Amino acid sequence: MEITRTGQVDNVMMMNRIDSDTAGDLEKTLNQLVAMGSKLIVCDFSHTTYISSAGLRVLLSVTKTLLRSQGKVVCCSLRPNVLEVFTIAGFNQIIPIYPGREAATTALGGKMSP
């Protein structure tokens, strides 16, 4: 995973597969960001080809944690099969989804560099 910062927004490039083998690493990374004071996180799924319920659980957990501190998680660049999983699980009603990183970052109040 690659993490970059745009203003107050942390952009997390998600891994190729998020399943029971990789969800723990994702959870550790996101929890570390929150522990360091991050309140605005964009999860960029442009490289992700698969997500399981273990990955969805991690996203739900960090979303709930950030909501308690007036923070927010948004997702962007979901491939059709990953978007389908989000939709079937109802996560598109819980976590905002944007077509690209720029739109997601801007929605959180970050400004993309020209």
PDB file of N, CA and C in Angstrom:
ATOM      1  N   MET A   1       0.839  -1.180   0.000  1.00  0.00           N
ATOM      2  CA  MET A   1       0.000   0.000   0.000  1.00  0.00           C
ATOM      3  C   MET A   1       0.879   1.237   0.000  1.00  0.00           C
ATOM      4  N   GLU A   2       0.462   2.196  -0.752  1.00  0.00           N
ATOM      5  CA  GLU A   2       1.152   3.484  -0.810  1.00  0.00           C
ATOM      6  C   GLU A   2       0.233   4.532  -0.186  1.00  0.00           C
ATOM      7  N   ILE A   3       0.800   5.380   0.664  1.00  0.00           N
ATOM      8  CA  ILE A   3       0.026   6.435   1.315  1.00  0.00           C
ATOM      9  C   ILE A   3       0.639   7.777   0.950  1.00  0.00           C
ATOM     10  N   THR A   4      -0.208   8.677   0.452  1.00  0.00           N
ATOM     11  CA  THR A   4       0.221  10.045   0.165  1.00  0.00           C
ATOM     12  C   THR A   4      -0.731  10.997   0.870  1.00  0.00           C
ATOM     13  N   ARG A   5      -0.276  12.218   1.071  1.00  0.00           N
ATOM     14  CA  ARG A   5      -1.101  13.202   1.766  1.00  0.00           C
ATOM     15  C   ARG A   5      -1.326  14.401   0.865  1.00  0.00           C
ATOM     16  N   THR A   6      -2.569  14.844   0.792  1.00  0.00           N
ATOM     17  CA  THR A   6      -2.960  16.046   0.065  1.00  0.00           C
ATOM     18  C   THR A   6      -3.678  16.932   1.065  1.00  0.00           C
ATOM     19  N   GLY A   7      -3.008  17.971   1.546  1.00  0.00           N
ATOM     20  CA  GLY A   7      -3.597  18.800   2.595  1.00  0.00           C
ATOM     21  C   GLY A   7      -3.788  17.964   3.847  1.00  0.00           C
ATOM     22  N   GLN A   8      -5.011  17.879   4.319  1.00  0.00           N
ATOM     23  CA  GLN A   8      -5.345  17.079   5.498  1.00  0.00           C
ATOM     24  C   GLN A   8      -5.878  15.690   5.142  1.00  0.00           C
ATOM     25  N   VAL A   9      -5.856  15.367   3.850  1.00  0.00           N
ATOM     26  CA  VAL A   9      -6.438  14.107   3.364  1.00  0.00           C
ATOM     27  C   VAL A   9      -5.338  13.083   3.102  1.00  0.00           C
ATOM     28  N   ASP A  10      -5.480  11.906   3.706  1.00  0.00           N
ATOM     29  CA  ASP A  10      -4.565  10.798   3.437  1.00  0.00           C
ATOM     30  C   ASP A  10      -5.163   9.921   2.347  1.00  0.00           C
ATOM     31  N   ASN A  11      -4.390   9.710   1.289  1.00  0.00           N
ATOM     32  CA  ASN A  11      -4.805   8.871   0.168  1.00  0.00           C
ATOM     33  C   ASN A  11      -4.103   7.525   0.291  1.00  0.00           C
ATOM     34  N   VAL A  12      -4.884   6.456   0.383  1.00  0.00           N
ATOM     35  CA  VAL A  12      -4.335   5.111   0.546  1.00  0.00           C
ATOM     36  C   VAL A  12      -4.606   4.317  -0.725  1.00  0.00           C
ATOM     37  N   MET A  13      -3.525   3.943  -1.423  1.00  0.00           N
ATOM     38  CA  MET A  13      -3.657   3.083  -2.601  1.00  0.00           C
ATOM     39  C   MET A  13      -3.815   1.655  -2.092  1.00  0.00           C
ATOM     40  N   MET A  14      -5.000   1.109  -2.292  1.00  0.00           N
ATOM     41  CA  MET A  14      -5.316  -0.216  -1.774  1.00  0.00           C
ATOM     42  C   MET A  14      -4.580  -1.299  -2.573  1.00  0.00           C
ATOM     43  N   MET A  15      -4.387  -2.438  -1.919  1.00  0.00           N
ATOM     44  CA  MET A  15      -3.675  -3.537  -2.558  1.00  0.00           C
ATOM     45  C   MET A  15      -4.540  -4.227  -3.622  1.00  0.00           C
ATOM     46  N   ASN A  16      -3.903  -5.090  -4.401  1.00  0.00           N
ATOM     47  CA  ASN A  16      -4.568  -5.780  -5.497  1.00  0.00           C
ATOM     48  C   ASN A  16      -5.722  -6.660  -5.008  1.00  0.00           C
ATOM     49  N   ARG A  17      -5.470  -7.457  -3.978  1.00  0.00           N
ATOM     50  CA  ARG A  17      -6.497  -8.328  -3.406  1.00  0.00           C
ATOM     51  C   ARG A  17      -6.637  -8.013  -1.928  1.00  0.00           C
ATOM     52  N   ILE A  18      -7.880  -7.841  -1.504  1.00  0.00           N
ATOM     53  CA  ILE A  18      -8.148  -7.633  -0.081  1.00  0.00           C
ATOM     54  C   ILE A  18      -9.015  -8.798   0.372  1.00  0.00           C
ATOM     55  N   ASP A  19      -8.362  -9.722   1.074  1.00  0.00           N
ATOM     56  CA  ASP A  19      -9.047 -10.934   1.520  1.00  0.00           C
ATOM     57  C   ASP A  19      -8.580 -11.269   2.929  1.00  0.00           C
ATOM     58  N   SER A  20      -8.883 -12.456   3.402  1.00  0.00           N
ATOM     59  CA  SER A  20      -8.520 -12.819   4.775  1.00  0.00           C
ATOM     60  C   SER A  20      -7.005 -12.822   4.987  1.00  0.00           C
ATOM     61  N   ASP A  21      -6.228 -13.010   3.924  1.00  0.00           N
ATOM     62  CA  ASP A  21      -4.766 -12.992   4.045  1.00  0.00           C
ATOM     63  C   ASP A  21      -4.199 -11.578   4.139  1.00  0.00           C
ATOM     64  N   THR A  22      -4.873 -10.599   3.554  1.00  0.00           N
ATOM     65  CA  THR A  22      -4.320  -9.239   3.503  1.00  0.00           C
ATOM     66  C   THR A  22      -5.106  -8.228   4.348  1.00  0.00           C
ATOM     67  N   ALA A  23      -6.278  -8.595   4.812  1.00  0.00           N
ATOM     68  CA  ALA A  23      -7.116  -7.658   5.569  1.00  0.00           C
ATOM     69  C   ALA A  23      -6.432  -7.176   6.847  1.00  0.00           C
ATOM     70  N   GLY A  24      -5.651  -8.042   7.480  1.00  0.00           N
ATOM     71  CA  GLY A  24      -4.945  -7.657   8.697  1.00  0.00           C
ATOM     72  C   GLY A  24      -3.949  -6.538   8.449  1.00  0.00           C
ATOM     73  N   ASP A  25      -3.222  -6.611   7.325  1.00  0.00           N
ATOM     74  CA  ASP A  25      -2.277  -5.543   6.974  1.00  0.00           C
ATOM     75  C   ASP A  25      -3.009  -4.234   6.704  1.00  0.00           C
ATOM     76  N   LEU A  26      -4.135  -4.335   6.007  1.00  0.00           N
ATOM     77  CA  LEU A  26      -4.939  -3.149   5.731  1.00  0.00           C
ATOM     78  C   LEU A  26      -5.435  -2.522   7.031  1.00  0.00           C
ATOM     79  N   GLU A  27      -5.950  -3.356   7.923  1.00  0.00           N
ATOM     80  CA  GLU A  27      -6.460  -2.868   9.199  1.00  0.00           C
ATOM     81  C   GLU A  27      -5.357  -2.179  10.006  1.00  0.00           C
ATOM     82  N   LYS A  28      -4.192  -2.776  10.035  1.00  0.00           N
ATOM     83  CA  LYS A  28      -3.059  -2.196  10.767  1.00  0.00           C
ATOM     84  C   LYS A  28      -2.685  -0.832  10.182  1.00  0.00           C
ATOM     85  N   THR A  29      -2.603  -0.746   8.875  1.00  0.00           N
ATOM     86  CA  THR A  29      -2.237   0.506   8.210  1.00  0.00           C
ATOM     87  C   THR A  29      -3.263   1.603   8.480  1.00  0.00           C
ATOM     88  N   LEU A  30      -4.546   1.282   8.307  1.00  0.00           N
ATOM     89  CA  LEU A  30      -5.588   2.290   8.520  1.00  0.00           C
ATOM     90  C   LEU A  30      -5.668   2.708   9.986  1.00  0.00           C
ATOM     91  N   ASN A  31      -5.536   1.763  10.887  1.00  0.00           N
ATOM     92  CA  ASN A  31      -5.565   2.099  12.317  1.00  0.00           C
ATOM     93  C   ASN A  31      -4.370   2.956  12.716  1.00  0.00           C
ATOM     94  N   GLN A  32      -3.207   2.726  12.108  1.00  0.00           N
ATOM     95  CA  GLN A  32      -2.040   3.567  12.376  1.00  0.00           C
ATOM     96  C   GLN A  32      -2.284   5.000  11.903  1.00  0.00           C
ATOM     97  N   LEU A  33      -2.898   5.145  10.738  1.00  0.00           N
ATOM     98  CA  LEU A  33      -3.225   6.490  10.241  1.00  0.00           C
ATOM     99  C   LEU A  33      -4.134   7.211  11.222  1.00  0.00           C
ATOM    100  N   VAL A  34      -5.168   6.529  11.686  1.00  0.00           N
ATOM    101  CA  VAL A  34      -6.113   7.116  12.630  1.00  0.00           C
ATOM    102  C   VAL A  34      -5.402   7.462  13.940  1.00  0.00           C
ATOM    103  N   ALA A  35      -4.540   6.574  14.418  1.00  0.00           N
ATOM    104  CA  ALA A  35      -3.809   6.807  15.664  1.00  0.00           C
ATOM    105  C   ALA A  35      -2.880   8.013  15.548  1.00  0.00           C
ATOM    106  N   MET A  36      -2.384   8.283  14.340  1.00  0.00           N
ATOM    107  CA  MET A  36      -1.507   9.437  14.122  1.00  0.00           C
ATOM    108  C   MET A  36      -2.298  10.721  13.884  1.00  0.00           C
ATOM    109  N   GLY A  37      -3.637  10.634  13.972  1.00  0.00           N
ATOM    110  CA  GLY A  37      -4.466  11.828  13.865  1.00  0.00           C
ATOM    111  C   GLY A  37      -5.170  12.046  12.549  1.00  0.00           C
ATOM    112  N   SER A  38      -5.047  11.113  11.624  1.00  0.00           N
ATOM    113  CA  SER A  38      -5.737  11.254  10.348  1.00  0.00           C
ATOM    114  C   SER A  38      -7.245  11.182  10.573  1.00  0.00           C
ATOM    115  N   LYS A  39      -7.966  12.118   9.981  1.00  0.00           N
ATOM    116  CA  LYS A  39      -9.427  12.125  10.097  1.00  0.00           C
ATOM    117  C   LYS A  39     -10.110  12.021   8.740  1.00  0.00           C
ATOM    118  N   LEU A  40      -9.350  12.214   7.673  1.00  0.00           N
ATOM    119  CA  LEU A  40      -9.905  12.179   6.320  1.00  0.00           C
ATOM    120  C   LEU A  40      -9.087  11.207   5.478  1.00  0.00           C
ATOM    121  N   ILE A  41      -9.723  10.113   5.048  1.00  0.00           N
ATOM    122  CA  ILE A  41      -9.008   9.071   4.320  1.00  0.00           C
ATOM    123  C   ILE A  41      -9.737   8.736   3.022  1.00  0.00           C
ATOM    124  N   VAL A  42      -8.981   8.751   1.937  1.00  0.00           N
ATOM    125  CA  VAL A  42      -9.469   8.287   0.640  1.00  0.00           C
ATOM    126  C   VAL A  42      -8.853   6.920   0.396  1.00  0.00           C
ATOM    127  N   CYS A  43      -9.698   5.923   0.184  1.00  0.00           N
ATOM    128  CA  CYS A  43      -9.235   4.582  -0.171  1.00  0.00           C
ATOM    129  C   CYS A  43      -9.365   4.439  -1.683  1.00  0.00           C
ATOM    130  N   ASP A  44      -8.223   4.405  -2.368  1.00  0.00           N
ATOM    131  CA  ASP A  44      -8.181   4.332  -3.823  1.00  0.00           C
ATOM    132  C   ASP A  44      -8.099   2.868  -4.249  1.00  0.00           C
ATOM    133  N   PHE A  45      -9.137   2.402  -4.903  1.00  0.00           N
ATOM    134  CA  PHE A  45      -9.249   1.001  -5.302  1.00  0.00           C
ATOM    135  C   PHE A  45      -8.872   0.756  -6.761  1.00  0.00           C
ATOM    136  N   SER A  46      -8.147   1.683  -7.381  1.00  0.00           N
ATOM    137  CA  SER A  46      -7.860   1.535  -8.809  1.00  0.00           C
ATOM    138  C   SER A  46      -7.039   0.291  -9.135  1.00  0.00           C
ATOM    139  N   HIS A  47      -6.282  -0.252  -8.172  1.00  0.00           N
ATOM    140  CA  HIS A  47      -5.487  -1.463  -8.406  1.00  0.00           C
ATOM    141  C   HIS A  47      -6.158  -2.718  -7.852  1.00  0.00           C
ATOM    142  N   THR A  48      -7.289  -2.560  -7.172  1.00  0.00           N
ATOM    143  CA  THR A  48      -7.924  -3.680  -6.481  1.00  0.00           C
ATOM    144  C   THR A  48      -8.842  -4.455  -7.417  1.00  0.00           C
ATOM    145  N   THR A  49      -8.580  -5.752  -7.512  1.00  0.00           N
ATOM    146  CA  THR A  49      -9.398  -6.611  -8.372  1.00  0.00           C
ATOM    147  C   THR A  49     -10.337  -7.507  -7.578  1.00  0.00           C
ATOM    148  N   TYR A  50     -10.126  -7.580  -6.240  1.00  0.00           N
ATOM    149  CA  TYR A  50     -10.954  -8.464  -5.421  1.00  0.00           C
ATOM    150  C   TYR A  50     -11.013  -7.937  -3.996  1.00  0.00           C
ATOM    151  N   ILE A  51     -12.211  -7.983  -3.400  1.00  0.00           N
ATOM    152  CA  ILE A  51     -12.366  -7.678  -1.984  1.00  0.00           C
ATOM    153  C   ILE A  51     -13.348  -8.681  -1.384  1.00  0.00           C
ATOM    154  N   SER A  52     -12.983  -9.199  -0.222  1.00  0.00           N
ATOM    155  CA  SER A  52     -13.843 -10.170   0.463  1.00  0.00           C
ATOM    156  C   SER A  52     -14.539  -9.490   1.632  1.00  0.00           C
ATOM    157  N   SER A  53     -15.349 -10.259   2.333  1.00  0.00           N
ATOM    158  CA  SER A  53     -16.034  -9.718   3.507  1.00  0.00           C
ATOM    159  C   SER A  53     -15.041  -9.283   4.584  1.00  0.00           C
ATOM    160  N   ALA A  54     -13.872  -9.908   4.638  1.00  0.00           N
ATOM    161  CA  ALA A  54     -12.846  -9.496   5.611  1.00  0.00           C
ATOM    162  C   ALA A  54     -12.382  -8.069   5.318  1.00  0.00           C
ATOM    163  N   GLY A  55     -12.224  -7.736   4.057  1.00  0.00           N
ATOM    164  CA  GLY A  55     -11.843  -6.377   3.667  1.00  0.00           C
ATOM    165  C   GLY A  55     -12.952  -5.382   3.956  1.00  0.00           C
ATOM    166  N   LEU A  56     -14.185  -5.774   3.682  1.00  0.00           N
ATOM    167  CA  LEU A  56     -15.318  -4.897   3.971  1.00  0.00           C
ATOM    168  C   LEU A  56     -15.432  -4.624   5.469  1.00  0.00           C
ATOM    169  N   ARG A  57     -15.165  -5.643   6.282  1.00  0.00           N
ATOM    170  CA  ARG A  57     -15.224  -5.471   7.733  1.00  0.00           C
ATOM    171  C   ARG A  57     -14.211  -4.428   8.199  1.00  0.00           C
ATOM    172  N   VAL A  58     -13.004  -4.456   7.631  1.00  0.00           N
ATOM    173  CA  VAL A  58     -11.974  -3.471   7.988  1.00  0.00           C
ATOM    174  C   VAL A  58     -12.439  -2.065   7.626  1.00  0.00           C
ATOM    175  N   LEU A  59     -12.997  -1.904   6.440  1.00  0.00           N
ATOM    176  CA  LEU A  59     -13.478  -0.584   6.022  1.00  0.00           C
ATOM    177  C   LEU A  59     -14.597  -0.086   6.928  1.00  0.00           C
ATOM    178  N   LEU A  60     -15.505  -0.982   7.301  1.00  0.00           N
ATOM    179  CA  LEU A  60     -16.596  -0.593   8.193  1.00  0.00           C
ATOM    180  C   LEU A  60     -16.056  -0.178   9.557  1.00  0.00           C
ATOM    181  N   SER A  61     -15.103  -0.916  10.063  1.00  0.00           N
ATOM    182  CA  SER A  61     -14.518  -0.622  11.371  1.00  0.00           C
ATOM    183  C   SER A  61     -13.854   0.752  11.391  1.00  0.00           C
ATOM    184  N   VAL A  62     -13.039   1.046  10.391  1.00  0.00           N
ATOM    185  CA  VAL A  62     -12.351   2.342  10.376  1.00  0.00           C
ATOM    186  C   VAL A  62     -13.340   3.477  10.110  1.00  0.00           C
ATOM    187  N   THR A  63     -14.368   3.214   9.325  1.00  0.00           N
ATOM    188  CA  THR A  63     -15.407   4.220   9.083  1.00  0.00           C
ATOM    189  C   THR A  63     -16.108   4.582  10.388  1.00  0.00           C
ATOM    190  N   LYS A  64     -16.474   3.583  11.167  1.00  0.00           N
ATOM    191  CA  LYS A  64     -17.135   3.834  12.453  1.00  0.00           C
ATOM    192  C   LYS A  64     -16.209   4.585  13.406  1.00  0.00           C
ATOM    193  N   THR A  65     -14.946   4.197  13.443  1.00  0.00           N
ATOM    194  CA  THR A  65     -13.978   4.865  14.319  1.00  0.00           C
ATOM    195  C   THR A  65     -13.857   6.338  13.955  1.00  0.00           C
ATOM    196  N   LEU A  66     -13.748   6.630  12.677  1.00  0.00           N
ATOM    197  CA  LEU A  66     -13.586   8.020  12.247  1.00  0.00           C
ATOM    198  C   LEU A  66     -14.861   8.838  12.445  1.00  0.00           C
ATOM    199  N   LEU A  67     -16.007   8.223  12.277  1.00  0.00           N
ATOM    200  CA  LEU A  67     -17.263   8.947  12.497  1.00  0.00           C
ATOM    201  C   LEU A  67     -17.370   9.463  13.927  1.00  0.00           C
ATOM    202  N   ARG A  68     -16.866   8.686  14.882  1.00  0.00           N
ATOM    203  CA  ARG A  68     -16.906   9.105  16.283  1.00  0.00           C
ATOM    204  C   ARG A  68     -16.057  10.348  16.546  1.00  0.00           C
ATOM    205  N   SER A  69     -15.065  10.590  15.694  1.00  0.00           N
ATOM    206  CA  SER A  69     -14.205  11.769  15.875  1.00  0.00           C
ATOM    207  C   SER A  69     -14.401  12.786  14.748  1.00  0.00           C
ATOM    208  N   GLN A  70     -15.574  12.782  14.132  1.00  0.00           N
ATOM    209  CA  GLN A  70     -15.930  13.679  13.041  1.00  0.00           C
ATOM    210  C   GLN A  70     -15.004  13.530  11.829  1.00  0.00           C
ATOM    211  N   GLY A  71     -14.478  12.333  11.652  1.00  0.00           N
ATOM    212  CA  GLY A  71     -13.667  12.033  10.485  1.00  0.00           C
ATOM    213  C   GLY A  71     -14.501  11.348   9.423  1.00  0.00           C
ATOM    214  N   LYS A  72     -13.845  10.972   8.321  1.00  0.00           N
ATOM    215  CA  LYS A  72     -14.598  10.378   7.224  1.00  0.00           C
ATOM    216  C   LYS A  72     -13.686   9.541   6.333  1.00  0.00           C
ATOM    217  N   VAL A  73     -14.234   8.436   5.854  1.00  0.00           N
ATOM    218  CA  VAL A  73     -13.581   7.591   4.852  1.00  0.00           C
ATOM    219  C   VAL A  73     -14.424   7.661   3.591  1.00  0.00           C
ATOM    220  N   VAL A  74     -13.765   7.829   2.457  1.00  0.00           N
ATOM    221  CA  VAL A  74     -14.442   7.715   1.170  1.00  0.00           C
ATOM    222  C   VAL A  74     -13.614   6.779   0.294  1.00  0.00           C
ATOM    223  N   CYS A  75     -14.253   6.233  -0.714  1.00  0.00           N
ATOM    224  CA  CYS A  75     -13.581   5.322  -1.638  1.00  0.00           C
ATOM    225  C   CYS A  75     -13.652   5.890  -3.047  1.00  0.00           C
ATOM    226  N   CYS A  76     -12.683   5.488  -3.864  1.00  0.00           N
ATOM    227  CA  CYS A  76     -12.707   5.941  -5.251  1.00  0.00           C
ATOM    228  C   CYS A  76     -12.123   4.872  -6.170  1.00  0.00           C
ATOM    229  N   SER A  77     -12.401   5.059  -7.446  1.00  0.00           N
ATOM    230  CA  SER A  77     -11.818   4.251  -8.523  1.00  0.00           C
ATOM    231  C   SER A  77     -12.083   2.759  -8.385  1.00  0.00           C
ATOM    232  N   LEU A  78     -13.308   2.402  -7.986  1.00  0.00           N
ATOM    233  CA  LEU A  78     -13.659   0.989  -7.848  1.00  0.00           C
ATOM    234  C   LEU A  78     -13.879   0.360  -9.218  1.00  0.00           C
ATOM    235  N   ARG A  79     -13.249  -0.759  -9.444  1.00  0.00           N
ATOM    236  CA  ARG A  79     -13.480  -1.519 -10.672  1.00  0.00           C
ATOM    237  C   ARG A  79     -14.891  -2.105 -10.596  1.00  0.00           C
ATOM    238  N   PRO A  80     -15.487  -2.428 -11.744  1.00  0.00           N
ATOM    239  CA  PRO A  80     -16.876  -2.894 -11.743  1.00  0.00           C
ATOM    240  C   PRO A  80     -17.154  -4.073 -10.805  1.00  0.00           C
ATOM    241  N   ASN A  81     -16.267  -5.062 -10.752  1.00  0.00           N
ATOM    242  CA  ASN A  81     -16.519  -6.222  -9.900  1.00  0.00           C
ATOM    243  C   ASN A  81     -16.412  -5.860  -8.412  1.00  0.00           C
ATOM    244  N   VAL A  82     -15.528  -4.941  -8.061  1.00  0.00           N
ATOM    245  CA  VAL A  82     -15.403  -4.495  -6.667  1.00  0.00           C
ATOM    246  C   VAL A  82     -16.606  -3.625  -6.304  1.00  0.00           C
ATOM    247  N   LEU A  83     -17.023  -2.764  -7.212  1.00  0.00           N
ATOM    248  CA  LEU A  83     -18.216  -1.945  -6.990  1.00  0.00           C
ATOM    249  C   LEU A  83     -19.442  -2.828  -6.789  1.00  0.00           C
ATOM    250  N   GLU A  84     -19.523  -3.917  -7.524  1.00  0.00           N
ATOM    251  CA  GLU A  84     -20.643  -4.840  -7.373  1.00  0.00           C
ATOM    252  C   GLU A  84     -20.685  -5.433  -5.956  1.00  0.00           C
ATOM    253  N   VAL A  85     -19.520  -5.796  -5.423  1.00  0.00           N
ATOM    254  CA  VAL A  85     -19.456  -6.329  -4.055  1.00  0.00           C
ATOM    255  C   VAL A  85     -19.917  -5.267  -3.060  1.00  0.00           C
ATOM    256  N   PHE A  86     -19.448  -4.031  -3.229  1.00  0.00           N
ATOM    257  CA  PHE A  86     -19.866  -2.925  -2.360  1.00  0.00           C
ATOM    258  C   PHE A  86     -21.380  -2.746  -2.420  1.00  0.00           C
ATOM    259  N   THR A  87     -21.924  -2.798  -3.628  1.00  0.00           N
ATOM    260  CA  THR A  87     -23.359  -2.580  -3.817  1.00  0.00           C
ATOM    261  C   THR A  87     -24.183  -3.707  -3.209  1.00  0.00           C
ATOM    262  N   ILE A  88     -23.796  -4.929  -3.456  1.00  0.00           N
ATOM    263  CA  ILE A  88     -24.523  -6.083  -2.910  1.00  0.00           C
ATOM    264  C   ILE A  88     -24.512  -6.048  -1.384  1.00  0.00           C
ATOM    265  N   ALA A  89     -23.380  -5.662  -0.807  1.00  0.00           N
ATOM    266  CA  ALA A  89     -23.251  -5.606   0.652  1.00  0.00           C
ATOM    267  C   ALA A  89     -23.862  -4.337   1.253  1.00  0.00           C
ATOM    268  N   GLY A  90     -24.300  -3.414   0.403  1.00  0.00           N
ATOM    269  CA  GLY A  90     -24.896  -2.172   0.880  1.00  0.00           C
ATOM    270  C   GLY A  90     -23.884  -1.121   1.311  1.00  0.00           C
ATOM    271  N   PHE A  91     -22.618  -1.343   1.022  1.00  0.00           N
ATOM    272  CA  PHE A  91     -21.580  -0.394   1.434  1.00  0.00           C
ATOM    273  C   PHE A  91     -21.628   0.899   0.641  1.00  0.00           C
ATOM    274  N   ASN A  92     -22.237   0.872  -0.530  1.00  0.00           N
ATOM    275  CA  ASN A  92     -22.395   2.112  -1.293  1.00  0.00           C
ATOM    276  C   ASN A  92     -23.359   3.074  -0.593  1.00  0.00           C
ATOM    277  N   GLN A  93     -24.107   2.582   0.384  1.00  0.00           N
ATOM    278  CA  GLN A  93     -24.999   3.432   1.183  1.00  0.00           C
ATOM    279  C   GLN A  93     -24.312   3.906   2.469  1.00  0.00           C
ATOM    280  N   ILE A  94     -23.177   3.321   2.804  1.00  0.00           N
ATOM    281  CA  ILE A  94     -22.471   3.635   4.045  1.00  0.00           C
ATOM    282  C   ILE A  94     -21.254   4.514   3.801  1.00  0.00           C
ATOM    283  N   ILE A  95     -20.495   4.184   2.764  1.00  0.00           N
ATOM    284  CA  ILE A  95     -19.250   4.886   2.450  1.00  0.00           C
ATOM    285  C   ILE A  95     -19.405   5.554   1.088  1.00  0.00           C
ATOM    286  N   PRO A  96     -19.207   6.874   1.015  1.00  0.00           N
ATOM    287  CA  PRO A  96     -19.299   7.554  -0.283  1.00  0.00           C
ATOM    288  C   PRO A  96     -18.272   7.005  -1.272  1.00  0.00           C
ATOM    289  N   ILE A  97     -18.699   6.866  -2.522  1.00  0.00           N
ATOM    290  CA  ILE A  97     -17.842   6.342  -3.579  1.00  0.00           C
ATOM    291  C   ILE A  97     -17.754   7.391  -4.683  1.00  0.00           C
ATOM    292  N   TYR A  98     -16.517   7.684  -5.106  1.00  0.00           N
ATOM    293  CA  TYR A  98     -16.271   8.679  -6.144  1.00  0.00           C
ATOM    294  C   TYR A  98     -15.569   8.022  -7.322  1.00  0.00           C
ATOM    295  N   PRO A  99     -15.730   8.600  -8.531  1.00  0.00           N
ATOM    296  CA  PRO A  99     -15.142   7.972  -9.713  1.00  0.00           C
ATOM    297  C   PRO A  99     -13.612   7.996  -9.724  1.00  0.00           C
ATOM    298  N   GLY A 100     -13.005   9.016  -9.101  1.00  0.00           N
ATOM    299  CA  GLY A 100     -11.549   9.123  -9.109  1.00  0.00           C
ATOM    300  C   GLY A 100     -11.010   9.779  -7.857  1.00  0.00           C
ATOM    301  N   ARG A 101      -9.690   9.733  -7.712  1.00  0.00           N
ATOM    302  CA  ARG A 101      -9.032  10.269  -6.515  1.00  0.00           C
ATOM    303  C   ARG A 101      -9.243  11.780  -6.381  1.00  0.00           C
ATOM    304  N   GLU A 102      -9.180  12.499  -7.480  1.00  0.00           N
ATOM    305  CA  GLU A 102      -9.342  13.950  -7.409  1.00  0.00           C
ATOM    306  C   GLU A 102     -10.712  14.325  -6.845  1.00  0.00           C
ATOM    307  N   ALA A 103     -11.760  13.697  -7.341  1.00  0.00           N
ATOM    308  CA  ALA A 103     -13.114  13.980  -6.852  1.00  0.00           C
ATOM    309  C   ALA A 103     -13.251  13.606  -5.380  1.00  0.00           C
ATOM    310  N   ALA A 104     -12.677  12.490  -4.985  1.00  0.00           N
ATOM    311  CA  ALA A 104     -12.762  12.038  -3.591  1.00  0.00           C
ATOM    312  C   ALA A 104     -12.007  12.988  -2.664  1.00  0.00           C
ATOM    313  N   THR A 105     -10.811  13.382  -3.069  1.00  0.00           N
ATOM    314  CA  THR A 105      -9.999  14.293  -2.254  1.00  0.00           C
ATOM    315  C   THR A 105     -10.670  15.647  -2.137  1.00  0.00           C
ATOM    316  N   THR A 106     -11.194  16.146  -3.241  1.00  0.00           N
ATOM    317  CA  THR A 106     -11.885  17.427  -3.230  1.00  0.00           C
ATOM    318  C   THR A 106     -13.121  17.376  -2.330  1.00  0.00           C
ATOM    319  N   ALA A 107     -13.846  16.261  -2.360  1.00  0.00           N
ATOM    320  CA  ALA A 107     -15.049  16.113  -1.532  1.00  0.00           C
ATOM    321  C   ALA A 107     -14.704  16.185  -0.049  1.00  0.00           C
ATOM    322  N   LEU A 108     -13.501  15.801   0.313  1.00  0.00           N
ATOM    323  CA  LEU A 108     -13.077  15.859   1.716  1.00  0.00           C
ATOM    324  C   LEU A 108     -12.419  17.183   2.068  1.00  0.00           C
ATOM    325  N   GLY A 109     -12.363  18.089   1.102  1.00  0.00           N
ATOM    326  CA  GLY A 109     -11.797  19.413   1.371  1.00  0.00           C
ATOM    327  C   GLY A 109     -10.342  19.545   0.997  1.00  0.00           C
ATOM    328  N   GLY A 110      -9.761  18.519   0.396  1.00  0.00           N
ATOM    329  CA  GLY A 110      -8.370  18.590  -0.043  1.00  0.00           C
ATOM    330  C   GLY A 110      -8.285  19.200  -1.410  1.00  0.00           C
ATOM    331  N   LYS A 111      -7.159  19.759  -1.712  1.00  0.00           N
ATOM    332  CA  LYS A 111      -6.918  20.351  -3.035  1.00  0.00           C
ATOM    333  C   LYS A 111      -5.832  19.551  -3.738  1.00  0.00           C
ATOM    334  N   MET A 112      -6.133  19.120  -4.936  1.00  0.00           N
ATOM    335  CA  MET A 112      -5.141  18.386  -5.712  1.00  0.00           C
ATOM    336  C   MET A 112      -4.175  19.389  -6.339  1.00  0.00           C
ATOM    337  N   SER A 113      -2.906  19.013  -6.412  1.00  0.00           N
ATOM    338  CA  SER A 113      -1.891  19.871  -7.024  1.00  0.00           C
ATOM    339  C   SER A 113      -2.083  19.868  -8.544  1.00  0.00           C
ATOM    340  N   PRO A 114      -1.871  21.020  -9.195  1.00  0.00           N
ATOM    341  CA  PRO A 114      -2.036  21.073 -10.653  1.00  0.00           C
ATOM    342  C   PRO A 114      -0.988  20.271 -11.388  1.00  0.00           C
TER     343      PRO A 114
END
